[in-house]
Amino acid sequence: MLEALGWGLLASSSLVIGSLIAIWLHLSLRLIAFVLAFAGGAILTMLANTMMPEAYERGGKLVGVVTTLGFAVAYTIHMLG
């Protein structure tokens, strides 16, 4: 639990600092999009390394399917909003 909290705090503070730097330097939208995509991949990697093994222990193989469906629903909601 503490490890996940630490990663969350690190990711959140990095997001805020990075956003302020991007605004201050007037970076291009393409570069900002690349950085956000990279950060999203880093968050997914953190989830896979810290949370998924425990989820598989408790929930079995169905966890992967439910995770994928969750991402699909979140993306759909985002696109509709």
PDB file of N, CA and C in Angstrom:
ATOM      1  N   MET A   1       0.817  -1.196   0.000  1.00  0.00           N
ATOM      2  CA  MET A   1       0.000   0.000   0.000  1.00  0.00           C
ATOM      3  C   MET A   1       0.861   1.259   0.000  1.00  0.00           C
ATOM      4  N   LEU A   2       1.858   1.305   0.870  1.00  0.00           N
ATOM      5  CA  LEU A   2       2.724   2.484   0.932  1.00  0.00           C
ATOM      6  C   LEU A   2       3.514   2.670  -0.351  1.00  0.00           C
ATOM      7  N   GLU A   3       3.903   1.560  -0.962  1.00  0.00           N
ATOM      8  CA  GLU A   3       4.654   1.664  -2.220  1.00  0.00           C
ATOM      9  C   GLU A   3       3.796   2.305  -3.307  1.00  0.00           C
ATOM     10  N   ALA A   4       2.538   1.884  -3.416  1.00  0.00           N
ATOM     11  CA  ALA A   4       1.641   2.467  -4.412  1.00  0.00           C
ATOM     12  C   ALA A   4       1.377   3.938  -4.112  1.00  0.00           C
ATOM     13  N   LEU A   5       1.240   4.280  -2.833  1.00  0.00           N
ATOM     14  CA  LEU A   5       1.032   5.679  -2.452  1.00  0.00           C
ATOM     15  C   LEU A   5       2.243   6.522  -2.829  1.00  0.00           C
ATOM     16  N   GLY A   6       3.427   5.990  -2.591  1.00  0.00           N
ATOM     17  CA  GLY A   6       4.652   6.700  -2.959  1.00  0.00           C
ATOM     18  C   GLY A   6       4.747   6.938  -4.456  1.00  0.00           C
ATOM     19  N   TRP A   7       4.424   5.912  -5.235  1.00  0.00           N
ATOM     20  CA  TRP A   7       4.439   6.067  -6.697  1.00  0.00           C
ATOM     21  C   TRP A   7       3.405   7.085  -7.148  1.00  0.00           C
ATOM     22  N   GLY A   8       2.237   7.058  -6.517  1.00  0.00           N
ATOM     23  CA  GLY A   8       1.193   8.017  -6.876  1.00  0.00           C
ATOM     24  C   GLY A   8       1.609   9.450  -6.586  1.00  0.00           C
ATOM     25  N   LEU A   9       2.226   9.663  -5.428  1.00  0.00           N
ATOM     26  CA  LEU A   9       2.706  11.004  -5.094  1.00  0.00           C
ATOM     27  C   LEU A   9       3.809  11.459  -6.038  1.00  0.00           C
ATOM     28  N   LEU A  10       4.716  10.548  -6.376  1.00  0.00           N
ATOM     29  CA  LEU A  10       5.791  10.888  -7.311  1.00  0.00           C
ATOM     30  C   LEU A  10       5.227  11.236  -8.683  1.00  0.00           C
ATOM     31  N   ALA A  11       4.283  10.432  -9.166  1.00  0.00           N
ATOM     32  CA  ALA A  11       3.692  10.698 -10.479  1.00  0.00           C
ATOM     33  C   ALA A  11       2.913  12.008 -10.480  1.00  0.00           C
ATOM     34  N   SER A  12       2.164  12.269  -9.422  1.00  0.00           N
ATOM     35  CA  SER A  12       1.373  13.498  -9.354  1.00  0.00           C
ATOM     36  C   SER A  12       2.251  14.735  -9.309  1.00  0.00           C
ATOM     37  N   SER A  13       3.271  14.703  -8.472  1.00  0.00           N
ATOM     38  CA  SER A  13       4.147  15.869  -8.377  1.00  0.00           C
ATOM     39  C   SER A  13       4.924  16.071  -9.669  1.00  0.00           C
ATOM     40  N   SER A  14       5.323  14.995 -10.324  1.00  0.00           N
ATOM     41  CA  SER A  14       6.014  15.110 -11.613  1.00  0.00           C
ATOM     42  C   SER A  14       5.097  15.723 -12.663  1.00  0.00           C
ATOM     43  N   LEU A  15       3.829  15.363 -12.640  1.00  0.00           N
ATOM     44  CA  LEU A  15       2.859  15.925 -13.580  1.00  0.00           C
ATOM     45  C   LEU A  15       2.727  17.432 -13.393  1.00  0.00           C
ATOM     46  N   VAL A  16       2.593  17.855 -12.148  1.00  0.00           N
ATOM     47  CA  VAL A  16       2.430  19.279 -11.876  1.00  0.00           C
ATOM     48  C   VAL A  16       3.680  20.053 -12.283  1.00  0.00           C
ATOM     49  N   ILE A  17       4.845  19.575 -11.893  1.00  0.00           N
ATOM     50  CA  ILE A  17       6.096  20.260 -12.226  1.00  0.00           C
ATOM     51  C   ILE A  17       6.310  20.275 -13.736  1.00  0.00           C
ATOM     52  N   GLY A  18       6.078  19.149 -14.383  1.00  0.00           N
ATOM     53  CA  GLY A  18       6.238  19.076 -15.839  1.00  0.00           C
ATOM     54  C   GLY A  18       5.291  20.002 -16.580  1.00  0.00           C
ATOM     55  N   SER A  19       4.048  20.076 -16.102  1.00  0.00           N
ATOM     56  CA  SER A  19       3.075  20.969 -16.740  1.00  0.00           C
ATOM     57  C   SER A  19       3.476  22.429 -16.602  1.00  0.00           C
ATOM     58  N   LEU A  20       3.940  22.809 -15.436  1.00  0.00           N
ATOM     59  CA  LEU A  20       4.390  24.189 -15.238  1.00  0.00           C
ATOM     60  C   LEU A  20       5.583  24.528 -16.120  1.00  0.00           C
ATOM     61  N   ILE A  21       6.511  23.592 -16.259  1.00  0.00           N
ATOM     62  CA  ILE A  21       7.666  23.817 -17.129  1.00  0.00           C
ATOM     63  C   ILE A  21       7.227  23.930 -18.580  1.00  0.00           C
ATOM     64  N   ALA A  22       6.302  23.065 -19.009  1.00  0.00           N
ATOM     65  CA  ALA A  22       5.814  23.108 -20.393  1.00  0.00           C
ATOM     66  C   ALA A  22       5.140  24.440 -20.704  1.00  0.00           C
ATOM     67  N   ILE A  23       4.355  24.938 -19.755  1.00  0.00           N
ATOM     68  CA  ILE A  23       3.688  26.229 -19.956  1.00  0.00           C
ATOM     69  C   ILE A  23       4.718  27.358 -19.986  1.00  0.00           C
ATOM     70  N   TRP A  24       5.673  27.314 -19.085  1.00  0.00           N
ATOM     71  CA  TRP A  24       6.683  28.360 -18.975  1.00  0.00           C
ATOM     72  C   TRP A  24       7.566  28.425 -20.218  1.00  0.00           C
ATOM     73  N   LEU A  25       7.893  27.255 -20.789  1.00  0.00           N
ATOM     74  CA  LEU A  25       8.763  27.209 -21.969  1.00  0.00           C
ATOM     75  C   LEU A  25       8.002  27.313 -23.289  1.00  0.00           C
ATOM     76  N   HIS A  26       6.673  27.366 -23.238  1.00  0.00           N
ATOM     77  CA  HIS A  26       5.840  27.433 -24.448  1.00  0.00           C
ATOM     78  C   HIS A  26       6.164  26.279 -25.407  1.00  0.00           C
ATOM     79  N   LEU A  27       6.137  25.061 -24.878  1.00  0.00           N
ATOM     80  CA  LEU A  27       6.456  23.878 -25.685  1.00  0.00           C
ATOM     81  C   LEU A  27       5.343  23.597 -26.691  1.00  0.00           C
ATOM     82  N   SER A  28       5.701  22.932 -27.778  1.00  0.00           N
ATOM     83  CA  SER A  28       4.720  22.617 -28.817  1.00  0.00           C
ATOM     84  C   SER A  28       3.718  21.580 -28.306  1.00  0.00           C
ATOM     85  N   LEU A  29       2.551  21.591 -28.903  1.00  0.00           N
ATOM     86  CA  LEU A  29       1.516  20.639 -28.499  1.00  0.00           C
ATOM     87  C   LEU A  29       1.920  19.204 -28.808  1.00  0.00           C
ATOM     88  N   ARG A  30       2.691  18.998 -29.869  1.00  0.00           N
ATOM     89  CA  ARG A  30       3.144  17.633 -30.203  1.00  0.00           C
ATOM     90  C   ARG A  30       4.073  17.089 -29.127  1.00  0.00           C
ATOM     91  N   LEU A  31       4.980  17.932 -28.649  1.00  0.00           N
ATOM     92  CA  LEU A  31       5.895  17.492 -27.596  1.00  0.00           C
ATOM     93  C   LEU A  31       5.132  17.209 -26.307  1.00  0.00           C
ATOM     94  N   ILE A  32       4.179  18.055 -25.987  1.00  0.00           N
ATOM     95  CA  ILE A  32       3.367  17.836 -24.791  1.00  0.00           C
ATOM     96  C   ILE A  32       2.571  16.540 -24.920  1.00  0.00           C
ATOM     97  N   ALA A  33       2.011  16.285 -26.095  1.00  0.00           N
ATOM     98  CA  ALA A  33       1.263  15.037 -26.322  1.00  0.00           C
ATOM     99  C   ALA A  33       2.171  13.823 -26.161  1.00  0.00           C
ATOM    100  N   PHE A  34       3.399  13.911 -26.665  1.00  0.00           N
ATOM    101  CA  PHE A  34       4.349  12.807 -26.513  1.00  0.00           C
ATOM    102  C   PHE A  34       4.660  12.547 -25.043  1.00  0.00           C
ATOM    103  N   VAL A  35       4.902  13.610 -24.313  1.00  0.00           N
ATOM    104  CA  VAL A  35       5.231  13.472 -22.894  1.00  0.00           C
ATOM    105  C   VAL A  35       4.050  12.875 -22.129  1.00  0.00           C
ATOM    106  N   LEU A  36       2.838  13.311 -22.430  1.00  0.00           N
ATOM    107  CA  LEU A  36       1.657  12.758 -21.761  1.00  0.00           C
ATOM    108  C   LEU A  36       1.456  11.284 -22.101  1.00  0.00           C
ATOM    109  N   ALA A  37       1.705  10.909 -23.353  1.00  0.00           N
ATOM    110  CA  ALA A  37       1.594   9.502 -23.747  1.00  0.00           C
ATOM    111  C   ALA A  37       2.639   8.658 -23.012  1.00  0.00           C
ATOM    112  N   PHE A  38       3.839   9.187 -22.900  1.00  0.00           N
ATOM    113  CA  PHE A  38       4.905   8.480 -22.182  1.00  0.00           C
ATOM    114  C   PHE A  38       4.535   8.316 -20.708  1.00  0.00           C
ATOM    115  N   ALA A  39       3.990   9.377 -20.117  1.00  0.00           N
ATOM    116  CA  ALA A  39       3.581   9.317 -18.714  1.00  0.00           C
ATOM    117  C   ALA A  39       2.453   8.304 -18.512  1.00  0.00           C
ATOM    118  N   GLY A  40       1.526   8.254 -19.460  1.00  0.00           N
ATOM    119  CA  GLY A  40       0.455   7.269 -19.374  1.00  0.00           C
ATOM    120  C   GLY A  40       0.993   5.851 -19.410  1.00  0.00           C
ATOM    121  N   GLY A  41       1.965   5.610 -20.266  1.00  0.00           N
ATOM    122  CA  GLY A  41       2.600   4.296 -20.320  1.00  0.00           C
ATOM    123  C   GLY A  41       3.320   3.969 -19.022  1.00  0.00           C
ATOM    124  N   ALA A  42       3.955   4.969 -18.428  1.00  0.00           N
ATOM    125  CA  ALA A  42       4.637   4.748 -17.153  1.00  0.00           C
ATOM    126  C   ALA A  42       3.649   4.382 -16.049  1.00  0.00           C
ATOM    127  N   ILE A  43       2.497   5.027 -16.046  1.00  0.00           N
ATOM    128  CA  ILE A  43       1.469   4.706 -15.044  1.00  0.00           C
ATOM    129  C   ILE A  43       0.949   3.286 -15.250  1.00  0.00           C
ATOM    130  N   LEU A  44       0.722   2.903 -16.502  1.00  0.00           N
ATOM    131  CA  LEU A  44       0.270   1.531 -16.771  1.00  0.00           C
ATOM    132  C   LEU A  44       1.312   0.507 -16.336  1.00  0.00           C
ATOM    133  N   THR A  45       2.588   0.824 -16.552  1.00  0.00           N
ATOM    134  CA  THR A  45       3.660  -0.069 -16.126  1.00  0.00           C
ATOM    135  C   THR A  45       3.678  -0.203 -14.611  1.00  0.00           C
ATOM    136  N   MET A  46       3.510   0.913 -13.911  1.00  0.00           N
ATOM    137  CA  MET A  46       3.470   0.879 -12.453  1.00  0.00           C
ATOM    138  C   MET A  46       2.307   0.034 -11.966  1.00  0.00           C
ATOM    139  N   LEU A  47       1.152   0.190 -12.595  1.00  0.00           N
ATOM    140  CA  LEU A  47      -0.006  -0.624 -12.210  1.00  0.00           C
ATOM    141  C   LEU A  47       0.267  -2.107 -12.442  1.00  0.00           C
ATOM    142  N   ALA A  48       0.859  -2.408 -13.583  1.00  0.00           N
ATOM    143  CA  ALA A  48       1.123  -3.813 -13.907  1.00  0.00           C
ATOM    144  C   ALA A  48       2.123  -4.426 -12.934  1.00  0.00           C
ATOM    145  N   ASN A  49       3.126  -3.656 -12.521  1.00  0.00           N
ATOM    146  CA  ASN A  49       4.150  -4.198 -11.625  1.00  0.00           C
ATOM    147  C   ASN A  49       3.704  -4.304 -10.182  1.00  0.00           C
ATOM    148  N   THR A  50       2.909  -3.365  -9.705  1.00  0.00           N
ATOM    149  CA  THR A  50       2.591  -3.359  -8.279  1.00  0.00           C
ATOM    150  C   THR A  50       1.216  -3.928  -7.948  1.00  0.00           C
ATOM    151  N   MET A  51       0.241  -3.731  -8.812  1.00  0.00           N
ATOM    152  CA  MET A  51      -1.121  -4.123  -8.448  1.00  0.00           C
ATOM    153  C   MET A  51      -1.609  -5.393  -9.127  1.00  0.00           C
ATOM    154  N   MET A  52      -1.206  -5.621 -10.350  1.00  0.00           N
ATOM    155  CA  MET A  52      -1.756  -6.761 -11.086  1.00  0.00           C
ATOM    156  C   MET A  52      -1.373  -8.117 -10.490  1.00  0.00           C
ATOM    157  N   PRO A  53      -0.133  -8.317 -10.006  1.00  0.00           N
ATOM    158  CA  PRO A  53       0.158  -9.641  -9.432  1.00  0.00           C
ATOM    159  C   PRO A  53      -0.780 -10.019  -8.276  1.00  0.00           C
ATOM    160  N   GLU A  54      -1.065  -9.068  -7.403  1.00  0.00           N
ATOM    161  CA  GLU A  54      -1.980  -9.344  -6.300  1.00  0.00           C
ATOM    162  C   GLU A  54      -3.397  -9.581  -6.803  1.00  0.00           C
ATOM    163  N   ALA A  55      -3.796  -8.825  -7.817  1.00  0.00           N
ATOM    164  CA  ALA A  55      -5.131  -9.013  -8.380  1.00  0.00           C
ATOM    165  C   ALA A  55      -5.264 -10.403  -9.002  1.00  0.00           C
ATOM    166  N   TYR A  56      -4.219 -10.867  -9.699  1.00  0.00           N
ATOM    167  CA  TYR A  56      -4.262 -12.212 -10.280  1.00  0.00           C
ATOM    168  C   TYR A  56      -4.327 -13.282  -9.201  1.00  0.00           C
ATOM    169  N   GLU A  57      -3.621 -13.062  -8.084  1.00  0.00           N
ATOM    170  CA  GLU A  57      -3.668 -14.033  -6.985  1.00  0.00           C
ATOM    171  C   GLU A  57      -5.080 -14.159  -6.434  1.00  0.00           C
ATOM    172  N   ARG A  58      -5.759 -13.038  -6.304  1.00  0.00           N
ATOM    173  CA  ARG A  58      -7.078 -13.046  -5.680  1.00  0.00           C
ATOM    174  C   ARG A  58      -8.211 -13.285  -6.668  1.00  0.00           C
ATOM    175  N   GLY A  59      -8.049 -12.826  -7.923  1.00  0.00           N
ATOM    176  CA  GLY A  59      -9.158 -12.876  -8.865  1.00  0.00           C
ATOM    177  C   GLY A  59      -9.008 -13.842 -10.018  1.00  0.00           C
ATOM    178  N   GLY A  60      -7.821 -14.390 -10.225  1.00  0.00           N
ATOM    179  CA  GLY A  60      -7.611 -15.333 -11.316  1.00  0.00           C
ATOM    180  C   GLY A  60      -7.413 -14.652 -12.656  1.00  0.00           C
ATOM    181  N   LYS A  61      -7.546 -15.432 -13.708  1.00  0.00           N
ATOM    182  CA  LYS A  61      -7.258 -14.946 -15.064  1.00  0.00           C
ATOM    183  C   LYS A  61      -8.283 -13.943 -15.580  1.00  0.00           C
ATOM    184  N   LEU A  62      -9.437 -13.887 -14.993  1.00  0.00           N
ATOM    185  CA  LEU A  62     -10.476 -12.959 -15.419  1.00  0.00           C
ATOM    186  C   LEU A  62     -10.064 -11.499 -15.195  1.00  0.00           C
ATOM    187  N   VAL A  63      -9.091 -11.286 -14.327  1.00  0.00           N
ATOM    188  CA  VAL A  63      -8.634  -9.930 -14.010  1.00  0.00           C
ATOM    189  C   VAL A  63      -8.150  -9.196 -15.257  1.00  0.00           C
ATOM    190  N   GLY A  64      -7.431  -9.861 -16.131  1.00  0.00           N
ATOM    191  CA  GLY A  64      -6.928  -9.229 -17.350  1.00  0.00           C
ATOM    192  C   GLY A  64      -8.050  -8.758 -18.262  1.00  0.00           C
ATOM    193  N   VAL A  65      -9.069  -9.564 -18.414  1.00  0.00           N
ATOM    194  CA  VAL A  65     -10.208  -9.209 -19.263  1.00  0.00           C
ATOM    195  C   VAL A  65     -10.968  -8.023 -18.665  1.00  0.00           C
ATOM    196  N   VAL A  66     -11.192  -8.066 -17.363  1.00  0.00           N
ATOM    197  CA  VAL A  66     -11.921  -6.986 -16.704  1.00  0.00           C
ATOM    198  C   VAL A  66     -11.117  -5.683 -16.766  1.00  0.00           C
ATOM    199  N   THR A  67      -9.806  -5.761 -16.627  1.00  0.00           N
ATOM    200  CA  THR A  67      -8.955  -4.572 -16.737  1.00  0.00           C
ATOM    201  C   THR A  67      -9.057  -3.960 -18.122  1.00  0.00           C
ATOM    202  N   THR A  68      -8.994  -4.795 -19.140  1.00  0.00           N
ATOM    203  CA  THR A  68      -9.106  -4.312 -20.519  1.00  0.00           C
ATOM    204  C   THR A  68     -10.473  -3.667 -20.757  1.00  0.00           C
ATOM    205  N   LEU A  69     -11.527  -4.285 -20.273  1.00  0.00           N
ATOM    206  CA  LEU A  69     -12.867  -3.701 -20.402  1.00  0.00           C
ATOM    207  C   LEU A  69     -12.966  -2.364 -19.667  1.00  0.00           C
ATOM    208  N   GLY A  70     -12.323  -2.274 -18.520  1.00  0.00           N
ATOM    209  CA  GLY A  70     -12.324  -1.021 -17.775  1.00  0.00           C
ATOM    210  C   GLY A  70     -11.666   0.108 -18.549  1.00  0.00           C
ATOM    211  N   PHE A  71     -10.531  -0.190 -19.180  1.00  0.00           N
ATOM    212  CA  PHE A  71      -9.874   0.825 -20.000  1.00  0.00           C
ATOM    213  C   PHE A  71     -10.738   1.206 -21.196  1.00  0.00           C
ATOM    214  N   ALA A  72     -11.400   0.224 -21.798  1.00  0.00           N
ATOM    215  CA  ALA A  72     -12.263   0.513 -22.948  1.00  0.00           C
ATOM    216  C   ALA A  72     -13.443   1.391 -22.544  1.00  0.00           C
ATOM    217  N   VAL A  73     -14.034   1.120 -21.393  1.00  0.00           N
ATOM    218  CA  VAL A  73     -15.145   1.939 -20.918  1.00  0.00           C
ATOM    219  C   VAL A  73     -14.666   3.357 -20.602  1.00  0.00           C
ATOM    220  N   ALA A  74     -13.520   3.473 -19.944  1.00  0.00           N
ATOM    221  CA  ALA A  74     -12.988   4.801 -19.623  1.00  0.00           C
ATOM    222  C   ALA A  74     -12.710   5.600 -20.887  1.00  0.00           C
ATOM    223  N   TYR A  75     -12.161   4.943 -21.900  1.00  0.00           N
ATOM    224  CA  TYR A  75     -11.874   5.627 -23.169  1.00  0.00           C
ATOM    225  C   TYR A  75     -13.175   6.063 -23.853  1.00  0.00           C
ATOM    226  N   THR A  76     -14.174   5.205 -23.826  1.00  0.00           N
ATOM    227  CA  THR A  76     -15.461   5.532 -24.436  1.00  0.00           C
ATOM    228  C   THR A  76     -16.105   6.728 -23.746  1.00  0.00           C
ATOM    229  N   ILE A  77     -16.075   6.724 -22.416  1.00  0.00           N
ATOM    230  CA  ILE A  77     -16.631   7.858 -21.662  1.00  0.00           C
ATOM    231  C   ILE A  77     -15.874   9.127 -21.995  1.00  0.00           C
ATOM    232  N   HIS A  78     -14.571   9.026 -22.096  1.00  0.00           N
ATOM    233  CA  HIS A  78     -13.753  10.199 -22.430  1.00  0.00           C
ATOM    234  C   HIS A  78     -14.115  10.745 -23.808  1.00  0.00           C
ATOM    235  N   MET A  79     -14.296   9.867 -24.777  1.00  0.00           N
ATOM    236  CA  MET A  79     -14.602  10.305 -26.135  1.00  0.00           C
ATOM    237  C   MET A  79     -16.014  10.876 -26.252  1.00  0.00           C
ATOM    238  N   LEU A  80     -16.928  10.417 -25.439  1.00  0.00           N
ATOM    239  CA  LEU A  80     -18.299  10.923 -25.469  1.00  0.00           C
ATOM    240  C   LEU A  80     -18.439  12.254 -24.736  1.00  0.00           C
ATOM    241  N   GLY A  81     -17.541  12.509 -23.796  1.00  0.00           N
ATOM    242  CA  GLY A  81     -17.652  13.716 -22.958  1.00  0.00           C
ATOM    243  C   GLY A  81     -17.114  14.937 -23.532  1.00  0.00           C
TER     244      GLY A  81
END
